[in-house]
Every structure is written in C-alpha cells, then in structure tokens.
Protein backbone atom coordinates (compact mmCIF):
# COMPACT_ATOMS: atom_id res chain seq x y z
CA MET A 1 41.18 44.04 -231.12
CA PRO A 2 37.64 45.11 -232.01
CA SER A 3 37.27 48.25 -234.02
CA GLN A 4 37.32 51.23 -231.67
CA THR A 5 34.31 53.49 -231.43
CA ASN A 6 34.99 56.90 -232.90
CA ASN A 7 34.78 59.16 -229.88
CA SER A 8 33.96 62.14 -232.05
CA VAL A 9 30.82 60.58 -233.46
CA ARG A 10 27.72 61.54 -231.53
CA PRO A 11 25.16 58.76 -231.02
CA ALA A 12 22.02 59.09 -233.10
CA GLY A 13 19.34 61.19 -231.48
CA LEU A 14 21.68 63.30 -229.34
CA SER A 15 21.70 66.41 -231.50
CA SER A 16 22.63 69.00 -228.92
CA GLY A 17 24.13 69.63 -225.53
CA LEU A 18 20.61 69.96 -224.16
CA ASP A 19 19.86 66.42 -225.27
CA LEU A 20 22.92 65.19 -223.36
CA ILE A 21 21.98 67.14 -220.25
CA ALA A 22 18.42 65.82 -220.39
CA LEU A 23 19.68 62.26 -220.84
CA PHE A 24 22.11 62.71 -217.95
CA VAL A 25 19.39 64.01 -215.62
CA VAL A 26 16.98 61.22 -216.55
CA SER A 27 19.73 58.59 -216.23
CA ALA A 28 20.84 59.95 -212.85
CA ILE A 29 17.26 59.89 -211.53
CA LEU A 30 16.70 56.34 -212.77
CA ILE A 31 20.00 55.08 -211.31
CA ILE A 32 19.33 56.75 -207.94
CA LEU A 33 15.84 55.23 -207.97
CA LEU A 34 17.39 51.85 -208.77
CA GLN A 35 19.72 52.20 -205.78
CA VAL A 36 16.88 53.19 -203.44
CA LEU A 37 14.68 50.30 -204.57
CA THR A 38 17.59 47.87 -204.36
CA ALA A 39 18.41 49.10 -200.87
CA ARG A 40 14.82 48.34 -199.83
CA TRP A 41 15.08 44.90 -201.41
CA ILE A 42 18.33 44.23 -199.56
CA ARG A 43 16.88 45.58 -196.31
CA SER A 44 14.06 43.06 -196.58
CA ALA A 45 16.70 40.34 -196.32
CA SER A 46 18.67 42.05 -193.57
CA THR A 47 15.92 42.58 -191.01
CA SER A 48 16.70 39.21 -189.47
CA THR A 49 20.37 39.06 -190.43
CA PRO A 50 22.44 38.11 -187.36
CA SER A 51 25.54 39.62 -185.91
CA PRO A 52 28.88 38.47 -187.39
CA GLY A 53 29.43 35.86 -184.67
CA SER A 54 26.25 33.90 -185.35
CA SER A 55 26.52 30.49 -186.96
CA THR A 56 23.16 28.69 -187.14
CA PRO A 57 22.18 27.39 -190.60
CA GLU A 58 19.22 29.77 -190.82
CA GLU A 59 21.35 32.77 -189.91
CA SER A 60 24.08 31.76 -192.36
CA LYS A 61 21.46 31.48 -195.12
CA ASP A 62 20.13 34.97 -194.30
CA ARG A 63 23.63 36.43 -194.39
CA SER A 64 24.41 34.74 -197.72
CA ASP A 65 21.16 36.06 -199.20
CA LEU A 66 22.04 39.57 -198.05
CA HIS A 67 25.49 39.46 -199.67
CA LEU A 68 24.05 37.99 -202.87
CA ARG A 69 21.57 40.85 -203.17
CA ARG A 70 24.35 43.40 -202.71
CA ARG A 71 26.35 41.72 -205.47
CA ILE A 72 23.34 41.79 -207.79
CA GLN A 73 23.06 45.53 -207.11
CA HIS A 74 26.77 45.93 -207.89
CA ALA A 75 26.39 44.09 -211.20
CA SER A 76 23.21 45.90 -212.26
CA THR A 77 24.79 49.31 -211.66
CA GLY A 78 27.78 48.47 -213.83
CA LEU A 79 25.60 47.08 -216.59
CA ALA A 80 23.59 50.31 -216.52
CA PHE A 81 26.79 52.34 -216.96
CA VAL A 82 27.91 50.20 -219.89
CA SER A 83 24.49 50.52 -221.53
CA LEU A 84 24.59 54.31 -221.18
CA SER A 85 28.00 54.38 -222.88
CA TYR A 86 26.21 53.54 -226.14
CA LEU A 87 24.10 56.69 -225.78
CA ILE A 88 26.47 59.26 -224.27
CA PRO A 89 29.87 60.09 -225.88
CA PRO A 90 32.96 59.43 -223.71
CA LEU A 91 33.93 63.03 -222.89
CA PRO A 92 30.47 64.18 -221.72
CA ALA A 93 30.06 60.86 -219.90
CA ALA A 94 33.37 61.32 -218.07
CA ILE A 95 32.40 64.87 -217.06
CA MET A 96 29.03 63.65 -215.83
CA LEU A 97 30.59 60.82 -213.83
CA LEU A 98 33.17 63.14 -212.27
CA THR A 99 30.31 65.48 -211.33
CA VAL A 100 28.52 62.58 -209.65
CA ALA A 101 31.74 61.59 -207.83
CA ALA A 102 32.13 65.16 -206.58
CA ALA A 103 28.50 65.13 -205.41
CA LEU A 104 29.06 61.85 -203.55
CA LEU A 105 32.14 63.31 -201.88
CA ALA A 106 30.22 66.42 -200.83
CA LEU A 107 27.34 64.27 -199.56
CA HIS A 108 29.79 62.14 -197.57
CA ARG A 109 31.24 65.20 -195.86
CA LEU A 110 27.78 66.55 -195.18
CA ARG A 111 26.51 63.38 -193.56
CA LEU A 112 29.56 63.22 -191.29
CA ARG A 113 28.77 66.72 -190.04
CA SER A 114 24.97 66.47 -189.90
CA ASP A 115 23.10 63.81 -187.95
CA ALA A 116 19.95 64.61 -189.94
CA ALA A 117 21.73 64.11 -193.28
CA GLN A 118 23.27 60.87 -192.01
CA GLU A 119 19.88 59.61 -190.87
CA ILE A 120 18.28 60.29 -194.26
CA TYR A 121 21.27 58.80 -196.10
CA MET A 122 21.23 55.63 -194.02
CA LYS A 123 17.48 55.29 -194.42
CA LEU A 124 17.75 55.45 -198.21
CA PHE A 125 21.07 53.71 -198.89
CA GLY A 126 22.23 52.12 -195.64
CA ALA A 127 21.41 48.59 -196.75
CA LEU A 128 23.86 48.96 -199.66
CA LEU A 129 26.78 49.82 -197.39
CA ARG A 130 29.41 47.56 -195.93
CA PRO A 131 30.06 48.21 -192.22
CA HIS A 132 33.13 50.42 -192.73
CA GLU A 133 31.28 52.53 -195.34
CA ARG A 134 28.94 53.89 -192.70
CA THR A 135 31.65 56.36 -191.71
CA SER A 136 33.87 56.35 -194.83
CA LEU A 137 33.39 56.98 -198.53
CA PRO A 138 31.06 54.38 -200.04
CA GLY A 139 32.09 51.98 -202.77
CA ALA A 140 29.77 53.88 -205.12
CA PHE A 141 32.18 56.83 -205.06
CA TYR A 142 35.09 54.68 -206.20
CA PHE A 143 32.89 52.84 -208.72
CA VAL A 144 31.87 56.10 -210.38
CA LEU A 145 35.40 57.54 -210.22
CA GLY A 146 36.97 54.37 -211.65
CA THR A 147 34.43 54.31 -214.48
CA ALA A 148 35.15 57.97 -215.28
CA ILE A 149 38.91 57.39 -215.39
CA SER A 150 38.45 54.34 -217.64
CA LEU A 151 36.92 56.64 -220.26
CA ALA A 152 40.37 58.18 -220.80
CA PHE A 153 41.16 54.94 -222.65
CA PRO A 154 39.61 53.64 -225.90
CA LEU A 155 35.91 53.10 -225.38
CA ASP A 156 35.87 49.33 -225.95
CA MET A 157 38.58 48.96 -223.31
CA ALA A 158 36.57 51.09 -220.90
CA ARG A 159 33.45 49.03 -221.46
CA LEU A 160 35.28 45.76 -220.87
CA SER A 161 36.93 47.11 -217.72
CA VAL A 162 33.55 48.08 -216.24
CA LEU A 163 32.10 44.70 -217.18
CA CYS A 164 35.01 42.98 -215.43
CA LEU A 165 34.33 45.06 -212.33
CA SER A 166 30.56 44.58 -212.50
CA LEU A 167 30.54 40.81 -213.06
CA GLY A 168 34.03 39.46 -212.37
CA ASP A 169 34.29 40.97 -208.90
CA PRO A 170 30.96 39.65 -207.50
CA VAL A 171 31.46 36.24 -209.11
CA ALA A 172 34.90 36.02 -207.48
CA ALA A 173 33.32 36.80 -204.11
CA ILE A 174 30.52 34.25 -204.57
CA VAL A 175 32.86 31.44 -205.69
CA GLY A 176 35.49 32.30 -203.11
CA THR A 177 32.90 32.19 -200.33
CA THR A 178 31.13 29.07 -201.60
CA VAL A 179 34.06 26.96 -202.81
CA GLY A 180 36.82 28.40 -200.66
CA GLY A 181 40.15 26.64 -200.89
CA PRO A 182 43.73 27.88 -200.60
CA ARG A 183 44.23 31.55 -199.93
CA PHE A 184 45.66 33.79 -202.66
CA PHE A 185 49.28 34.35 -201.57
CA GLY A 186 48.24 33.86 -197.96
CA ASP A 187 45.68 36.67 -197.91
CA GLU A 188 42.62 35.55 -195.92
CA ARG A 189 40.39 37.93 -197.90
CA THR A 190 40.99 36.25 -201.28
CA SER A 191 41.16 32.69 -202.58
CA TRP A 192 42.51 30.95 -205.65
CA SER A 193 39.01 29.68 -206.51
CA GLY A 194 37.57 33.20 -206.45
CA SER A 195 40.48 34.60 -208.46
CA LEU A 196 40.15 31.85 -211.08
CA ALA A 197 36.43 32.61 -211.35
CA CYS A 198 37.19 36.31 -211.83
CA PHE A 199 39.68 35.45 -214.56
CA ALA A 200 37.25 33.11 -216.33
CA ILE A 201 34.36 35.59 -216.31
CA SER A 202 36.60 38.46 -217.46
CA PHE A 203 38.05 36.36 -220.27
CA VAL A 204 34.60 35.31 -221.50
CA LEU A 205 33.44 38.93 -221.38
CA GLY A 206 36.43 39.97 -223.48
CA VAL A 207 36.05 37.29 -226.15
CA GLY A 208 32.32 36.65 -226.15
CA VAL A 209 30.85 40.08 -225.40
CA MET A 210 33.33 42.76 -226.44
CA GLY A 211 34.97 40.92 -229.36
CA PHE A 212 38.61 41.09 -228.23
CA ASP A 213 40.87 38.26 -229.32
CA ALA A 214 42.03 35.56 -226.92
CA MET A 215 45.35 37.21 -226.07
CA GLU A 216 43.81 40.63 -225.44
CA SER A 217 41.09 39.04 -223.33
CA SER A 218 43.72 37.15 -221.34
CA VAL A 219 45.61 40.38 -220.65
CA ALA A 220 42.39 42.08 -219.52
CA ALA A 221 41.38 39.12 -217.36
CA ILE A 222 44.79 38.87 -215.70
CA SER A 223 44.82 42.61 -215.02
CA ALA A 224 41.32 42.58 -213.54
CA THR A 225 42.02 39.47 -211.45
CA LEU A 226 45.26 40.78 -209.98
CA ALA A 227 43.67 44.15 -209.24
CA GLU A 228 40.71 42.50 -207.52
CA ALA A 229 42.98 40.21 -205.47
CA PHE A 230 45.58 42.78 -204.40
CA ALA A 231 43.32 45.81 -203.85
CA PRO A 232 42.75 44.97 -200.15
CA ARG A 233 46.48 44.50 -199.59
CA ILE A 234 47.50 47.85 -200.99
CA GLY A 235 44.58 49.72 -199.46
CA ILE A 236 42.88 50.81 -202.69
CA ASP A 237 39.18 50.16 -203.23
CA ASP A 238 38.74 47.49 -205.91
CA ASN A 239 35.94 49.53 -207.50
CA LEU A 240 38.62 52.07 -208.41
CA LEU A 241 41.54 49.75 -209.10
CA VAL A 242 39.90 47.10 -211.29
CA PRO A 243 38.74 49.32 -214.19
CA ILE A 244 41.96 51.34 -214.22
CA ALA A 245 44.21 48.26 -214.10
CA THR A 246 42.18 46.46 -216.78
CA CYS A 247 42.32 49.43 -219.16
CA LEU A 248 45.98 50.05 -218.48
CA GLY A 249 46.92 46.42 -219.09
CA LEU A 250 45.02 46.32 -222.37
CA TRP A 251 46.37 49.68 -223.49
CA LEU A 252 49.99 48.71 -222.74
CA TYR A 253 49.56 45.44 -224.59
CA ALA A 254 47.99 47.15 -227.60
CA SER A 255 50.71 49.83 -227.72
CA ASP A 256 53.44 47.17 -227.97
CA ARG A 257 51.89 45.45 -230.97
C-alpha cells in the first residue's frame, strides 16, 4: 500500500482557516461554473435529441453523443475533486462537501415547492439531469455525499475510490452500451462487458495512478465493480455506493494484513 498522507499536515500555502475558506469559495464557484458551461455544451447536443422510442441512425448518434457528454462531465467533476484533495486537508474538505450536500438538498426541496426556482434550476443544470432526476435528488448530491464519506478513510483510499467512480463508472456505461453482451446476473441495466471494463479501469487506476499493489488494486476494483453493478438492484445511487464500497473493501483488506 502506498504511504498514507498525514492528515494532520496542512498543504503548503494554506496557513490559516481563512485560506481554506477562500479556497473553498473559489473552488465552489469554479465547479459550479464548470457545471453550467458543461450543461450548455450538453444542451447543444440535445436540442435535436429524439424521444426514447426513436431509432434512426442520425437520432441514435445524437443520443449517444448526449450520453457521452454527460459522462465526460461526470469524469471531469470527479477529477476536480481529487485534484482539490491535494490542496485541502481531509477534515475541512469533508465539512465543505457535507455543506454542499446540505445545500443541494435544500435546493432540491426549494425547487419542488417553487416553479420559479425549478425553472431557473432546469435552465442552468437541466441538461445534466437524467429523466428521473427532474423530480428527485440529482446524482450530484450523491456524488458529493459519497466523496465526503470516503474521506473518513485513509486519504489514498478516498482518492482511488473517487477515481473509480469518476472513470470506472462512465467507462462501464460506454463499453456496456457499445459492446453489449450477456447481462450481469440477468440484470438488463448492466452487462459483463461493462463490468469487466469497470474492473480493468479501476485496477489500472490503483496500480498505475495511486501506487497500490496488485492485490490491493484488485480488491478496490472488485469492490467498485460490484457496487456499480448492484447499485440499481438495491436502490442505492451508484455515486454514493461506489466510493463507500471501494474504501470499505480496501480498508477491510488492509486491516487483515
């Protein structure tokens, strides 16, 4: 296992709580701006996107492009969180993320009660939402909450878990949709090809990016893959389940050594 980051050591340049608050505010503004700009980019592909029953080649290409752009947004958000983990210590970062999750929850309740709030929200972020998220909590809430909970574990584990979510999950969806093949334990929403892709990406991230050994990376990859595959079955958003399951699997393995 790679040497764990000392959680008590403050990154260089962050000499006070005010520095952390300033960094948090700037980071939050930049991430929100990223989401707004990405939503506009996605919307540019969705203006001609057909209804689910359409099947012409042009319409299928438009739909695929739309989903690809959403997955790029998913990956870029996670990579931004991992990058910020090298600047903000785990405890302040967890508090900040929980604050953001609480704000997203409050915003969700507000938009359900206010047509004006819902209209503004959909105008800014609607293109990022899956159909069911128009009236339920968005995946961003679970993404932020799952990332915050992962910070209860050693920092290198948390980083790997968010990388598995950010890259393994969209790659699984792309491969599963493109290659297809047998369903994962009969579930129409997942495939063996997508799950194998998720495992491969997660394993490479563990060994090649985060410096875990092959066995640790295998444990992380299996945990992330199973969480991604079974999340729909058990009714838990994969944005929440994947980072928690990946950290927990790694932590249990490390504690038995």
